Amino acid sequence: MNTVEALEKNKVKITFSVDAAGFEEGMAYSYNKNKNSLPLQGFRKGRVPRKMLEIAYGKEVFYDDAVNFVLPDAYEAAVKETDTKVVSRPEIDIEKIDDDGVVFTAEVFIKPEVKIENYKGLKYAGEDTTVTEEEVKAVVDEERKKQARIFEVTDRNAEMGDTVNIDFKGYMDDVPFEGGEGAGFDLELGSHSFTDNFEDQLVGASIGSELVVNVTFPENYGAPDLAGKPAKFEVKVNSIKAKEIPELDDEFVSDTTEFETVDEYLTDVRARLTMNKVTEADNRKREQLIEEVGDLAEIDVPECMFDNEVDKLFENFSNSLRYRGMPVETYLQMINQTEDAVKDSYRAQAEKQVRGRLALEKIAEIEGFEITEEEVGKEIDRISAESMIEKDRLLQIMSVDEKESLKDDLKVQKALDLVLSEAKAE
């Protein structure tokens, strides 16, 4: 018989056991695993009967692997039988072990109780999603710049917006400093790629000219030995290139887009900008209201739940880096940070997400939300399309627990939809 004993806030001790027959399976497994490494004089290696080994070495020689064999299934069965909502790794102890079997205890943290009221009619910061003509123009101008014709300039000096090819060497107190030298570098004047007013001082320079550029590095500059200090650069201008940006007309539109006229193109730009603004505003609304219900709820959250969420966020980040071909170790070296420091930066986000999720789960319970098989089917269709895994294959590889978790996620989504629909914009 499995039992649960309350220890402290959100922590319990589960006592569970494996009977003699079950533990005998574990002992047999352990014997077969270890018999080749337990010699006994007069017997060939691996041929010593188990009883003889138990007499020679003691039954205890097989206990470790026997326990490891029976423990996972016994613990999982105990959690399910007692309906314990475990949110931490168990701390396992062996209370008794002998021919009658083994008795375990597992101390675990459990999902906390949640109290929440007045979750309808919450306030959020409303946003104006109107697209201005300036925003449309900015997008169109950026597209025109991408189609610009680049040509060599030989009959005038450099102007803002030109790209100058330069050789440069930096000095601090007349001593060259590391990283301050380059040759054949293309620099767009006005791009603010270089520090301080470096680019401004190249306006008016002619091809072949050599000049001294004086700058002061910003106080927050990445290299501490340069931060806040004056420096000079010896610069030679090798060449000047200019851009010829095409006019916005029907010819430009038909040549560079799927549209034929300027009006059609501008209508599409406005529609895309509007959709982006609405989507971003909706996302901010969701984030704000999830945080609000989390703050509204009375919850004593076990620290391990925050730790688990931090680990999940860091794992997702690591996977995204790996997908782009960069190991997380390399990234940490580049930013001169430790894994623990990056995880600490996720802490606040993790706490908001955990509290928000628990609050929404409680709202779903209060509202009595249920999930139909049709809704589950639609969600699996969506996952199948996004993951590009055939639906039948997806159903095969999904465990019972994963399907139940999917239902829980859909309940949470219903709770969030309710909160969103009842919220009021300020």
Protein backbone atom coordinates (compact mmCIF):
# COMPACT_ATOMS: atom_id res chain seq x y z
CA MET A 1 0.00 0.00 0.00
CA ASN A 2 1.42 3.35 -1.04
CA THR A 3 1.04 6.27 1.37
CA VAL A 4 1.63 10.02 1.25
CA GLU A 5 2.71 12.07 4.26
CA ALA A 6 2.77 15.88 4.31
CA LEU A 7 6.16 17.21 5.41
CA GLU A 8 5.98 20.95 4.90
CA LYS A 9 4.46 23.50 2.53
CA ASN A 10 4.15 21.80 -0.88
CA LYS A 11 6.44 18.93 0.12
CA VAL A 12 5.39 15.33 0.81
CA LYS A 13 6.91 11.92 1.46
CA ILE A 14 5.63 8.99 -0.60
CA THR A 15 6.21 5.54 0.90
CA PHE A 16 6.02 2.67 -1.57
CA SER A 17 7.32 -0.87 -1.84
CA VAL A 18 8.25 -3.71 -4.15
CA ASP A 19 7.16 -7.15 -2.96
CA ALA A 20 9.34 -10.27 -2.77
CA ALA A 21 8.43 -11.48 -6.27
CA GLY A 22 9.10 -8.09 -7.84
CA PHE A 23 12.39 -7.67 -6.03
CA GLU A 24 13.44 -11.17 -7.07
CA GLU A 25 13.21 -10.02 -10.70
CA GLY A 26 15.61 -7.24 -9.81
CA MET A 27 17.99 -9.62 -8.06
CA ALA A 28 17.98 -11.96 -11.06
CA TYR A 29 18.75 -9.00 -13.36
CA SER A 30 21.58 -7.89 -11.07
CA TYR A 31 23.04 -11.40 -10.92
CA ASN A 32 23.12 -11.72 -14.71
CA LYS A 33 24.66 -8.27 -15.00
CA ASN A 34 27.40 -8.82 -12.40
CA LYS A 35 28.20 -12.55 -12.47
CA ASN A 36 31.13 -12.13 -14.88
CA SER A 37 32.85 -9.69 -12.50
CA LEU A 38 32.46 -11.82 -9.37
CA PRO A 39 35.05 -14.64 -9.44
CA LEU A 40 34.97 -17.64 -7.13
CA GLN A 41 37.69 -20.26 -6.90
CA GLY A 42 36.74 -23.56 -8.51
CA PHE A 43 34.24 -22.05 -10.93
CA ARG A 44 34.67 -20.71 -14.45
CA LYS A 45 34.11 -16.97 -14.89
CA GLY A 46 30.41 -16.22 -15.19
CA ARG A 47 29.40 -19.78 -14.24
CA VAL A 48 29.14 -19.37 -10.47
CA PRO A 49 25.60 -20.11 -9.21
CA ARG A 50 23.89 -17.13 -7.66
CA LYS A 51 23.49 -18.84 -4.27
CA MET A 52 27.22 -19.48 -4.11
CA LEU A 53 27.97 -15.83 -4.89
CA GLU A 54 25.50 -14.69 -2.24
CA ILE A 55 27.21 -16.92 0.32
CA ALA A 56 30.67 -15.71 -0.71
CA TYR A 57 29.96 -12.01 -1.16
CA GLY A 58 26.66 -11.51 0.65
CA LYS A 59 23.30 -10.80 -0.97
CA GLU A 60 24.06 -7.11 -0.66
CA VAL A 61 26.43 -7.37 -3.62
CA PHE A 62 23.38 -7.49 -5.90
CA TYR A 63 21.26 -4.88 -4.13
CA ASP A 64 22.37 -1.73 -6.00
CA ASP A 65 21.55 -2.92 -9.49
CA ALA A 66 18.44 -4.74 -8.26
CA VAL A 67 17.16 -1.52 -6.71
CA ASN A 68 17.95 0.47 -9.88
CA PHE A 69 16.00 -2.14 -11.86
CA VAL A 70 12.79 -2.05 -9.81
CA LEU A 71 12.78 1.57 -8.61
CA PRO A 72 11.66 3.54 -11.72
CA ASP A 73 8.49 1.55 -12.37
CA ALA A 74 7.66 1.32 -8.66
CA TYR A 75 8.05 5.07 -8.17
CA GLU A 76 5.99 5.93 -11.27
CA ALA A 77 3.22 3.55 -10.17
CA ALA A 78 3.20 5.07 -6.67
CA VAL A 79 2.92 8.61 -8.04
CA LYS A 80 0.00 7.62 -10.26
CA GLU A 81 -1.77 5.58 -7.57
CA THR A 82 -1.56 8.39 -5.02
CA ASP A 83 -2.34 11.04 -7.68
CA THR A 84 0.60 13.12 -6.47
CA LYS A 85 1.30 16.17 -8.66
CA VAL A 86 5.09 16.02 -8.50
CA VAL A 87 7.09 19.07 -9.68
CA SER A 88 10.60 18.07 -8.55
CA ARG A 89 13.07 15.25 -8.78
CA PRO A 90 12.54 12.75 -5.94
CA GLU A 91 14.93 12.33 -3.05
CA ILE A 92 14.88 8.54 -2.67
CA ASP A 93 15.73 6.60 0.49
CA ILE A 94 15.56 2.85 1.20
CA GLU A 95 13.71 2.15 4.42
CA LYS A 96 14.02 -1.65 4.36
CA ILE A 97 15.48 -4.27 2.03
CA ASP A 98 15.46 -8.06 2.55
CA ASP A 99 13.95 -11.25 1.16
CA ASP A 100 10.45 -9.79 1.60
CA GLY A 101 11.23 -7.01 -0.86
CA VAL A 102 12.20 -3.37 -0.53
CA VAL A 103 10.47 -0.33 0.95
CA PHE A 104 11.26 3.12 -0.45
CA THR A 105 10.47 6.68 0.51
CA ALA A 106 10.53 9.58 -1.94
CA GLU A 107 10.46 13.18 -0.78
CA VAL A 108 9.10 15.46 -3.49
CA PHE A 109 7.68 18.93 -3.99
CA ILE A 110 4.14 19.04 -5.34
CA LYS A 111 2.15 21.52 -7.38
CA PRO A 112 0.98 24.32 -5.04
CA GLU A 113 -2.59 25.27 -4.27
CA VAL A 114 -3.77 28.37 -6.14
CA LYS A 115 -6.38 30.92 -5.11
CA ILE A 116 -7.56 33.48 -7.64
CA GLU A 117 -10.57 35.77 -7.98
CA ASN A 118 -11.60 38.76 -10.09
CA TYR A 119 -9.72 37.60 -13.17
CA LYS A 120 -12.33 39.03 -15.52
CA GLY A 121 -12.15 42.64 -16.61
CA LEU A 122 -8.40 43.05 -16.09
CA LYS A 123 -6.80 46.17 -17.53
CA TYR A 124 -4.07 46.23 -20.16
CA ALA A 125 -2.24 48.95 -22.07
CA GLY A 126 -4.06 49.47 -25.34
CA GLU A 127 -2.01 50.33 -28.42
CA ASP A 128 -2.70 52.29 -31.57
CA THR A 129 -2.06 49.94 -34.50
CA THR A 130 -2.66 52.57 -37.18
CA VAL A 131 0.04 52.56 -39.85
CA THR A 132 1.37 56.02 -40.69
CA GLU A 133 2.50 57.24 -44.08
CA GLU A 134 5.99 57.75 -42.60
CA GLU A 135 6.15 54.04 -41.71
CA VAL A 136 5.05 53.04 -45.20
CA LYS A 137 7.64 55.38 -46.71
CA ALA A 138 10.39 53.94 -44.51
CA VAL A 139 9.67 50.41 -45.76
CA VAL A 140 9.50 51.51 -49.38
CA ASP A 141 12.70 53.56 -49.09
CA GLU A 142 14.50 50.56 -47.60
CA GLU A 143 13.41 48.43 -50.56
CA ARG A 144 14.54 51.14 -52.98
CA LYS A 145 17.95 51.23 -51.28
CA LYS A 146 18.29 47.47 -51.72
CA GLN A 147 17.83 47.94 -55.44
CA ALA A 148 20.25 50.86 -55.65
CA ARG A 149 22.88 50.92 -58.40
CA ILE A 150 26.42 51.22 -57.01
CA PHE A 151 28.96 53.12 -59.10
CA GLU A 152 32.47 54.51 -58.73
CA VAL A 153 32.79 58.25 -58.11
CA THR A 154 35.80 59.98 -59.67
CA ASP A 155 34.68 63.57 -60.20
CA ARG A 156 33.89 64.72 -56.67
CA ASN A 157 34.79 64.34 -53.01
CA ALA A 158 33.06 61.99 -50.52
CA GLU A 159 29.55 62.87 -49.39
CA MET A 160 27.35 61.55 -46.62
CA GLY A 161 25.77 58.30 -47.84
CA ASP A 162 28.76 57.36 -50.01
CA THR A 163 30.79 54.23 -49.35
CA VAL A 164 34.50 54.95 -49.02
CA ASN A 165 37.16 52.26 -49.19
CA ILE A 166 39.84 53.09 -46.63
CA ASP A 167 43.05 51.95 -44.98
CA PHE A 168 43.33 53.02 -41.35
CA LYS A 169 45.55 52.68 -38.32
CA GLY A 170 44.60 53.79 -34.80
CA TYR A 171 46.88 55.30 -32.15
CA MET A 172 46.48 56.11 -28.49
CA ASP A 173 49.19 58.39 -27.12
CA ASP A 174 51.03 57.80 -30.43
CA VAL A 175 51.11 54.03 -29.78
CA PRO A 176 49.17 51.70 -32.12
CA PHE A 177 46.46 49.77 -30.28
CA GLU A 178 45.21 46.25 -30.91
CA GLY A 179 42.27 45.98 -33.30
CA GLY A 180 42.70 49.52 -34.57
CA GLU A 181 44.11 48.70 -38.02
CA GLY A 182 42.45 47.72 -41.29
CA ALA A 183 43.04 47.78 -45.02
CA GLY A 184 40.60 47.91 -47.93
CA PHE A 185 37.66 48.47 -45.59
CA ASP A 186 34.34 49.63 -47.09
CA LEU A 187 32.67 52.19 -44.83
CA GLU A 188 29.27 53.73 -45.56
CA LEU A 189 29.32 57.33 -44.34
CA GLY A 190 26.36 57.89 -42.04
CA SER A 191 25.98 54.23 -41.08
CA HIS A 192 27.51 54.89 -37.62
CA SER A 193 29.61 51.75 -38.01
CA PHE A 194 32.64 53.50 -36.53
CA THR A 195 32.90 55.23 -33.18
CA ASP A 196 32.12 58.86 -32.34
CA ASN A 197 32.22 61.23 -35.33
CA PHE A 198 34.76 59.20 -37.33
CA GLU A 199 32.55 59.08 -40.45
CA ASP A 200 31.68 62.78 -40.35
CA GLN A 201 35.37 63.66 -40.66
CA LEU A 202 35.65 61.73 -43.95
CA VAL A 203 32.99 63.85 -45.65
CA GLY A 204 34.79 66.04 -48.20
CA ALA A 205 37.79 63.74 -48.52
CA SER A 206 39.08 63.06 -52.04
CA ILE A 207 40.36 59.83 -53.57
CA GLY A 208 43.95 59.21 -52.52
CA SER A 209 43.84 61.75 -49.70
CA GLU A 210 45.45 60.96 -46.35
CA LEU A 211 44.07 62.51 -43.19
CA VAL A 212 44.05 62.24 -39.42
CA VAL A 213 40.72 61.52 -37.72
CA ASN A 214 40.40 62.30 -34.00
CA VAL A 215 37.77 60.52 -31.89
CA THR A 216 36.88 59.78 -28.27
CA PHE A 217 35.69 56.26 -27.46
CA PRO A 218 32.41 56.06 -25.49
CA GLU A 219 32.52 55.28 -21.78
CA ASN A 220 30.72 51.96 -22.34
CA TYR A 221 33.01 50.83 -25.17
CA GLY A 222 33.57 47.06 -25.34
CA ALA A 223 37.33 47.27 -24.86
CA PRO A 224 37.93 48.58 -21.31
CA ASP A 225 41.41 49.88 -22.13
CA LEU A 226 39.90 52.19 -24.79
CA ALA A 227 36.64 53.18 -23.07
CA GLY A 228 36.30 56.94 -22.60
CA LYS A 229 39.74 57.72 -24.05
CA PRO A 230 40.81 59.88 -27.02
CA ALA A 231 42.49 58.33 -30.04
CA LYS A 232 43.56 59.27 -33.54
CA PHE A 233 43.42 57.36 -36.80
CA GLU A 234 45.61 57.78 -39.84
CA VAL A 235 43.28 57.21 -42.79
CA LYS A 236 43.85 56.87 -46.52
CA VAL A 237 40.89 57.04 -48.92
CA ASN A 238 41.30 54.50 -51.72
CA SER A 239 38.03 54.93 -53.58
CA ILE A 240 34.54 56.40 -53.36
CA LYS A 241 31.31 54.69 -54.38
CA ALA A 242 27.83 56.19 -54.53
CA LYS A 243 24.33 54.79 -54.72
CA GLU A 244 21.75 55.68 -57.31
CA ILE A 245 18.41 54.88 -55.71
CA PRO A 246 15.61 54.15 -58.21
CA GLU A 247 12.45 56.23 -58.27
CA LEU A 248 9.22 54.71 -56.96
CA ASP A 249 7.19 54.23 -60.11
CA ASP A 250 5.23 51.48 -61.85
CA GLU A 251 8.35 50.28 -63.66
CA PHE A 252 10.27 49.84 -60.39
CA VAL A 253 7.29 48.04 -58.81
CA SER A 254 6.75 45.63 -61.71
CA ASP A 255 10.51 44.87 -61.95
CA THR A 256 11.10 44.21 -58.25
CA THR A 257 7.78 42.99 -56.76
CA GLU A 258 4.81 40.79 -57.62
CA PHE A 259 2.68 43.90 -58.26
CA GLU A 260 2.21 46.03 -61.35
CA THR A 261 1.43 49.48 -59.98
CA VAL A 262 2.60 51.72 -57.18
CA ASP A 263 -0.90 51.80 -55.65
CA GLU A 264 -1.07 47.99 -55.47
CA TYR A 265 2.37 47.83 -53.91
CA LEU A 266 1.65 50.52 -51.28
CA THR A 267 -1.65 48.82 -50.38
CA ASP A 268 0.25 45.58 -49.73
CA VAL A 269 2.92 47.36 -47.66
CA ARG A 270 0.23 48.98 -45.48
CA ALA A 271 -1.54 45.65 -45.02
CA ARG A 272 1.67 43.87 -43.97
CA LEU A 273 2.63 46.65 -41.58
CA THR A 274 -0.86 46.63 -40.07
CA MET A 275 -0.77 42.87 -39.60
CA ASN A 276 2.64 43.08 -37.93
CA LYS A 277 1.50 45.87 -35.61
CA VAL A 278 -1.66 44.01 -34.63
CA THR A 279 0.28 40.78 -34.01
CA GLU A 280 2.91 42.54 -31.89
CA ALA A 281 0.24 44.39 -29.91
CA ASP A 282 -1.66 41.14 -29.32
CA ASN A 283 1.52 39.44 -28.12
CA ARG A 284 2.25 42.26 -25.69
CA LYS A 285 -1.37 42.13 -24.48
CA ARG A 286 -1.05 38.37 -23.86
CA GLU A 287 2.25 38.76 -22.00
CA GLN A 288 0.88 41.58 -19.85
CA LEU A 289 -2.30 39.72 -18.91
CA ILE A 290 -0.47 36.46 -18.18
CA GLU A 291 1.74 38.42 -15.81
CA GLU A 292 -1.31 40.11 -14.28
CA VAL A 293 -3.15 36.86 -13.52
CA GLY A 294 0.08 35.48 -12.07
CA ASP A 295 0.39 38.50 -9.79
CA LEU A 296 -3.31 38.34 -8.92
CA ALA A 297 -3.14 34.71 -7.77
CA GLU A 298 -2.17 33.63 -4.25
CA ILE A 299 0.49 30.97 -4.82
CA ASP A 300 3.41 29.72 -2.75
CA VAL A 301 5.52 28.41 -5.62
CA PRO A 302 8.29 25.90 -4.80
CA GLU A 303 11.65 27.23 -5.98
CA CYS A 304 12.25 24.03 -7.95
CA MET A 305 9.45 25.02 -10.36
CA PHE A 306 11.27 28.25 -11.18
CA ASP A 307 14.55 26.33 -11.52
CA ASN A 308 12.93 23.87 -13.93
CA GLU A 309 11.54 26.69 -16.07
CA VAL A 310 14.93 28.44 -16.16
CA ASP A 311 16.52 25.18 -17.33
CA LYS A 312 13.86 24.84 -20.02
CA LEU A 313 14.41 28.39 -21.28
CA PHE A 314 18.17 27.89 -21.37
CA GLU A 315 17.76 24.57 -23.21
CA ASN A 316 15.51 26.22 -25.80
CA PHE A 317 18.09 28.98 -26.26
CA SER A 318 20.91 26.43 -26.58
CA ASN A 319 18.93 24.49 -29.19
CA SER A 320 18.30 27.65 -31.22
CA LEU A 321 22.03 28.42 -31.20
CA ARG A 322 22.84 24.84 -32.19
CA TYR A 323 20.31 25.08 -35.04
CA ARG A 324 22.26 28.08 -36.33
CA GLY A 325 25.50 26.14 -36.09
CA MET A 326 26.92 27.66 -32.90
CA PRO A 327 27.55 25.56 -29.76
CA VAL A 328 26.38 27.29 -26.62
CA GLU A 329 29.90 27.00 -25.18
CA THR A 330 31.24 29.13 -28.04
CA TYR A 331 28.54 31.73 -27.50
CA LEU A 332 29.30 31.96 -23.79
CA GLN A 333 32.97 32.54 -24.58
CA MET A 334 32.06 35.28 -27.07
CA ILE A 335 29.97 37.20 -24.54
CA ASN A 336 32.34 36.39 -21.67
CA GLN A 337 29.54 34.96 -19.52
CA THR A 338 29.01 31.73 -17.59
CA GLU A 339 26.06 29.40 -18.02
CA ASP A 340 24.86 30.30 -14.51
CA ALA A 341 24.96 34.03 -15.34
CA VAL A 342 22.83 33.51 -18.46
CA LYS A 343 20.41 31.36 -16.48
CA ASP A 344 20.13 34.09 -13.85
CA SER A 345 19.04 36.48 -16.61
CA TYR A 346 16.11 34.16 -17.32
CA ARG A 347 14.94 34.07 -13.71
CA ALA A 348 12.42 36.91 -13.84
CA GLN A 349 10.90 35.61 -17.06
CA ALA A 350 10.68 32.09 -15.62
CA GLU A 351 8.90 33.31 -12.49
CA LYS A 352 6.31 35.21 -14.56
CA GLN A 353 5.68 32.22 -16.79
CA VAL A 354 5.33 29.72 -13.95
CA ARG A 355 3.00 31.92 -11.90
CA GLY A 356 0.96 32.78 -14.99
CA ARG A 357 0.62 29.12 -16.00
CA LEU A 358 -0.49 28.04 -12.51
CA ALA A 359 -3.05 30.85 -12.37
CA LEU A 360 -4.48 29.96 -15.78
CA GLU A 361 -4.69 26.29 -14.81
CA LYS A 362 -6.74 27.31 -11.78
CA ILE A 363 -9.00 29.52 -13.91
CA ALA A 364 -9.61 26.57 -16.26
CA GLU A 365 -10.55 24.47 -13.23
CA ILE A 366 -12.89 27.14 -11.84
CA GLU A 367 -14.57 27.58 -15.23
CA GLY A 368 -14.89 23.81 -15.68
CA PHE A 369 -13.24 23.78 -19.09
CA GLU A 370 -13.11 20.40 -20.82
CA ILE A 371 -11.36 19.39 -24.02
CA THR A 372 -13.15 17.33 -26.66
CA GLU A 373 -11.53 14.71 -28.86
CA GLU A 374 -12.28 16.97 -31.83
CA GLU A 375 -10.24 19.77 -30.24
CA VAL A 376 -7.39 17.36 -29.55
CA GLY A 377 -7.51 16.21 -33.16
CA LYS A 378 -7.30 19.77 -34.46
CA GLU A 379 -4.32 20.51 -32.22
CA ILE A 380 -2.54 17.37 -33.39
CA ASP A 381 -3.23 18.43 -36.99
CA ARG A 382 -1.60 21.78 -36.21
CA ILE A 383 1.43 20.16 -34.58
CA SER A 384 1.71 17.74 -37.49
CA ALA A 385 1.74 20.58 -40.02
CA GLU A 386 4.31 22.63 -38.06
CA SER A 387 6.62 19.69 -37.33
CA MET A 388 6.13 18.12 -40.77
CA ILE A 389 5.48 14.74 -39.10
CA GLU A 390 2.58 12.74 -40.49
CA LYS A 391 -0.40 12.69 -38.14
CA ASP A 392 -0.52 8.89 -37.86
CA ARG A 393 3.19 8.81 -37.02
CA LEU A 394 2.72 11.58 -34.47
CA LEU A 395 -0.08 9.65 -32.76
CA GLN A 396 2.14 6.57 -32.62
CA ILE A 397 5.06 8.30 -30.93
CA MET A 398 2.97 10.37 -28.47
CA SER A 399 2.74 8.77 -25.04
CA VAL A 400 -0.43 8.76 -22.93
CA ASP A 401 1.16 11.36 -20.64
CA GLU A 402 1.99 13.60 -23.62
CA LYS A 403 -1.60 13.43 -24.83
CA GLU A 404 -2.85 14.37 -21.35
CA SER A 405 -0.36 17.22 -21.26
CA LEU A 406 -1.73 18.37 -24.61
CA LYS A 407 -5.21 18.51 -23.10
CA ASP A 408 -3.88 20.52 -20.17
CA ASP A 409 -2.28 22.99 -22.59
CA LEU A 410 -5.58 23.41 -24.44
CA LYS A 411 -7.39 24.07 -21.15
CA VAL A 412 -4.83 26.74 -20.29
CA GLN A 413 -5.34 28.29 -23.74
CA LYS A 414 -9.10 28.41 -23.13
CA ALA A 415 -8.48 30.12 -19.80
CA LEU A 416 -6.21 32.66 -21.44
CA ASP A 417 -8.75 33.27 -24.22
CA LEU A 418 -11.34 34.00 -21.52
CA VAL A 419 -9.05 36.46 -19.74
CA LEU A 420 -8.20 38.15 -23.06
CA SER A 421 -11.81 38.47 -24.15
CA GLU A 422 -12.89 39.97 -20.80
CA ALA A 423 -9.94 42.37 -20.46
CA LYS A 424 -10.37 46.13 -20.90
CA ALA A 425 -7.94 48.40 -22.72
CA GLU A 426 -6.65 51.47 -20.91
